[in-house]
Amino acid sequence: NNMSSTGIAVGLNRGFPVTKRVMGARPSNNKARISKRTKMVRDLVSEVVGMNPYERRLLDMLKTGGAGAEKRMYKFAKRRLGTHRRALKKRDQVKEAYGKIRARAAVTH
């Protein structure tokens, strides 16, 4: 709530007018942030090792396509990974990988 309190007991901005304390950033805000080194290592490992079996299935769903391919990919990824956000991220990651594969194939032909 960015509007200040009015000092009135009722209403939208009710309550005693006080000065807001500026809070420092919490460590939990840095949790999902990824360092350059970690990103580089993960990219290298994925390049060397390839995809997990479930990621290959996602790729296959994308290749076969159809009307609801993206939704099916999302639902499958969500079942495997557990959360909405992780599923969306994984779906985008697989789509990006598929784009790279297709670009590589286009260059060779």
C-alpha atoms as a PDB file:
ATOM      1  CA  ASN A   1       0.000   0.000   0.000  1.00  0.00           C
ATOM      2  CA  ASN A   2       1.770   3.168  -1.168  1.00  0.00           C
ATOM      3  CA  MET A   3      -0.841   5.644   0.112  1.00  0.00           C
ATOM      4  CA  SER A   4      -0.185   7.092   3.558  1.00  0.00           C
ATOM      5  CA  SER A   5      -2.452   6.594   6.532  1.00  0.00           C
ATOM      6  CA  THR A   6      -4.898   9.386   7.278  1.00  0.00           C
ATOM      7  CA  GLY A   7      -5.200   9.109  11.037  1.00  0.00           C
ATOM      8  CA  ILE A   8      -8.901   8.302  10.660  1.00  0.00           C
ATOM      9  CA  ALA A   9     -10.181   5.060  12.194  1.00  0.00           C
ATOM     10  CA  VAL A  10     -12.192   3.948   9.140  1.00  0.00           C
ATOM     11  CA  GLY A  11     -11.762   3.995   5.393  1.00  0.00           C
ATOM     12  CA  LEU A  12      -9.319   2.822   2.781  1.00  0.00           C
ATOM     13  CA  ASN A  13      -6.213   4.442   4.306  1.00  0.00           C
ATOM     14  CA  ARG A  14      -7.240   4.124   7.933  1.00  0.00           C
ATOM     15  CA  GLY A  15      -4.750   3.999  10.755  1.00  0.00           C
ATOM     16  CA  PHE A  16      -2.192   6.051  12.590  1.00  0.00           C
ATOM     17  CA  PRO A  17       0.112   8.014  10.276  1.00  0.00           C
ATOM     18  CA  VAL A  18       3.651   6.668  10.697  1.00  0.00           C
ATOM     19  CA  THR A  19       6.889   7.011   8.755  1.00  0.00           C
ATOM     20  CA  LYS A  20       7.640   3.931   6.687  1.00  0.00           C
ATOM     21  CA  ARG A  21      10.878   2.110   7.489  1.00  0.00           C
ATOM     22  CA  VAL A  22      13.087   1.305   4.545  1.00  0.00           C
ATOM     23  CA  MET A  23      13.817  -2.404   4.767  1.00  0.00           C
ATOM     24  CA  GLY A  24      16.985  -3.948   3.372  1.00  0.00           C
ATOM     25  CA  ALA A  25      16.882  -6.636   0.732  1.00  0.00           C
ATOM     26  CA  ARG A  26      16.239 -10.121   2.094  1.00  0.00           C
ATOM     27  CA  PRO A  27      18.543 -13.010   1.234  1.00  0.00           C
ATOM     28  CA  SER A  28      15.521 -14.923  -0.115  1.00  0.00           C
ATOM     29  CA  ASN A  29      15.317 -12.388  -2.953  1.00  0.00           C
ATOM     30  CA  ASN A  30      18.639 -13.661  -4.296  1.00  0.00           C
ATOM     31  CA  LYS A  31      17.613 -17.323  -4.222  1.00  0.00           C
ATOM     32  CA  ALA A  32      16.709 -17.747  -7.895  1.00  0.00           C
ATOM     33  CA  ARG A  33      19.496 -15.547  -9.213  1.00  0.00           C
ATOM     34  CA  ILE A  34      22.138 -17.526 -11.084  1.00  0.00           C
ATOM     35  CA  SER A  35      25.828 -16.652 -11.207  1.00  0.00           C
ATOM     36  CA  LYS A  36      27.801 -16.515 -14.444  1.00  0.00           C
ATOM     37  CA  ARG A  37      29.930 -19.475 -13.401  1.00  0.00           C
ATOM     38  CA  THR A  38      26.931 -21.660 -12.508  1.00  0.00           C
ATOM     39  CA  LYS A  39      25.231 -20.800 -15.805  1.00  0.00           C
ATOM     40  CA  MET A  40      28.384 -21.628 -17.748  1.00  0.00           C
ATOM     41  CA  VAL A  41      28.794 -24.967 -15.949  1.00  0.00           C
ATOM     42  CA  ARG A  42      25.134 -25.933 -16.498  1.00  0.00           C
ATOM     43  CA  ASP A  43      25.325 -25.027 -20.193  1.00  0.00           C
ATOM     44  CA  LEU A  44      28.505 -27.062 -20.587  1.00  0.00           C
ATOM     45  CA  VAL A  45      27.045 -30.092 -18.797  1.00  0.00           C
ATOM     46  CA  SER A  46      23.824 -29.991 -20.825  1.00  0.00           C
ATOM     47  CA  GLU A  47      25.875 -29.700 -24.023  1.00  0.00           C
ATOM     48  CA  VAL A  48      28.057 -32.711 -23.146  1.00  0.00           C
ATOM     49  CA  VAL A  49      25.432 -34.952 -21.544  1.00  0.00           C
ATOM     50  CA  GLY A  50      22.402 -34.028 -23.641  1.00  0.00           C
ATOM     51  CA  MET A  51      18.801 -34.084 -22.508  1.00  0.00           C
ATOM     52  CA  ASN A  52      17.023 -36.046 -19.792  1.00  0.00           C
ATOM     53  CA  PRO A  53      14.531 -38.647 -21.006  1.00  0.00           C
ATOM     54  CA  TYR A  54      11.587 -36.477 -19.951  1.00  0.00           C
ATOM     55  CA  GLU A  55      13.105 -33.514 -21.792  1.00  0.00           C
ATOM     56  CA  ARG A  56      13.372 -35.699 -24.891  1.00  0.00           C
ATOM     57  CA  ARG A  57       9.679 -36.526 -24.522  1.00  0.00           C
ATOM     58  CA  LEU A  58       8.913 -32.806 -24.317  1.00  0.00           C
ATOM     59  CA  LEU A  59      10.950 -32.261 -27.480  1.00  0.00           C
ATOM     60  CA  ASP A  60       9.066 -35.085 -29.179  1.00  0.00           C
ATOM     61  CA  MET A  61       5.740 -33.483 -28.219  1.00  0.00           C
ATOM     62  CA  LEU A  62       6.948 -30.248 -29.769  1.00  0.00           C
ATOM     63  CA  LYS A  63       8.117 -32.007 -32.951  1.00  0.00           C
ATOM     64  CA  THR A  64       4.883 -33.922 -33.483  1.00  0.00           C
ATOM     65  CA  GLY A  65       3.117 -30.644 -32.813  1.00  0.00           C
ATOM     66  CA  GLY A  66      -0.612 -30.477 -33.214  1.00  0.00           C
ATOM     67  CA  ALA A  67      -3.062 -27.975 -31.829  1.00  0.00           C
ATOM     68  CA  GLY A  68      -2.407 -28.284 -28.093  1.00  0.00           C
ATOM     69  CA  ALA A  69       1.266 -29.209 -28.181  1.00  0.00           C
ATOM     70  CA  GLU A  70       2.383 -26.371 -25.916  1.00  0.00           C
ATOM     71  CA  LYS A  71      -0.337 -27.068 -23.371  1.00  0.00           C
ATOM     72  CA  ARG A  72       0.490 -30.787 -23.382  1.00  0.00           C
ATOM     73  CA  MET A  73       4.165 -29.938 -22.914  1.00  0.00           C
ATOM     74  CA  TYR A  74       3.290 -27.670 -20.001  1.00  0.00           C
ATOM     75  CA  LYS A  75       1.090 -30.265 -18.319  1.00  0.00           C
ATOM     76  CA  PHE A  76       3.718 -32.980 -18.702  1.00  0.00           C
ATOM     77  CA  ALA A  77       6.496 -30.708 -17.408  1.00  0.00           C
ATOM     78  CA  LYS A  78       4.346 -29.641 -14.467  1.00  0.00           C
ATOM     79  CA  ARG A  79       3.748 -33.275 -13.508  1.00  0.00           C
ATOM     80  CA  ARG A  80       7.486 -33.944 -13.599  1.00  0.00           C
ATOM     81  CA  LEU A  81       8.778 -30.722 -12.033  1.00  0.00           C
ATOM     82  CA  GLY A  82       6.019 -29.908  -9.564  1.00  0.00           C
ATOM     83  CA  THR A  83       5.448 -26.170 -10.034  1.00  0.00           C
ATOM     84  CA  HIS A  84       3.859 -23.899 -12.615  1.00  0.00           C
ATOM     85  CA  ARG A  85       6.869 -21.625 -12.886  1.00  0.00           C
ATOM     86  CA  ARG A  86       9.370 -24.465 -13.330  1.00  0.00           C
ATOM     87  CA  ALA A  87       7.150 -26.051 -15.975  1.00  0.00           C
ATOM     88  CA  LEU A  88       6.918 -22.828 -17.988  1.00  0.00           C
ATOM     89  CA  LYS A  89      10.667 -22.313 -17.728  1.00  0.00           C
ATOM     90  CA  LYS A  90      11.384 -25.880 -18.863  1.00  0.00           C
ATOM     91  CA  ARG A  91       8.928 -25.619 -21.768  1.00  0.00           C
ATOM     92  CA  ASP A  92      10.644 -22.426 -22.972  1.00  0.00           C
ATOM     93  CA  GLN A  93      14.046 -24.062 -22.542  1.00  0.00           C
ATOM     94  CA  VAL A  94      13.040 -27.061 -24.683  1.00  0.00           C
ATOM     95  CA  LYS A  95      11.487 -24.775 -27.324  1.00  0.00           C
ATOM     96  CA  GLU A  96      14.725 -22.789 -27.435  1.00  0.00           C
ATOM     97  CA  ALA A  97      16.749 -25.999 -27.833  1.00  0.00           C
ATOM     98  CA  TYR A  98      14.434 -27.118 -30.652  1.00  0.00           C
ATOM     99  CA  GLY A  99      14.927 -23.754 -32.362  1.00  0.00           C
ATOM    100  CA  LYS A 100      18.693 -24.196 -32.186  1.00  0.00           C
ATOM    101  CA  ILE A 101      18.421 -27.732 -33.613  1.00  0.00           C
ATOM    102  CA  ARG A 102      16.279 -26.483 -36.495  1.00  0.00           C
ATOM    103  CA  ALA A 103      18.628 -23.564 -37.159  1.00  0.00           C
ATOM    104  CA  ARG A 104      21.582 -25.967 -37.263  1.00  0.00           C
ATOM    105  CA  ALA A 105      19.676 -28.234 -39.666  1.00  0.00           C
ATOM    106  CA  ALA A 106      18.820 -25.247 -41.896  1.00  0.00           C
ATOM    107  CA  VAL A 107      22.487 -24.239 -42.109  1.00  0.00           C
ATOM    108  CA  THR A 108      23.613 -27.728 -43.175  1.00  0.00           C
ATOM    109  CA  HIS A 109      20.973 -27.978 -45.941  1.00  0.00           C
END
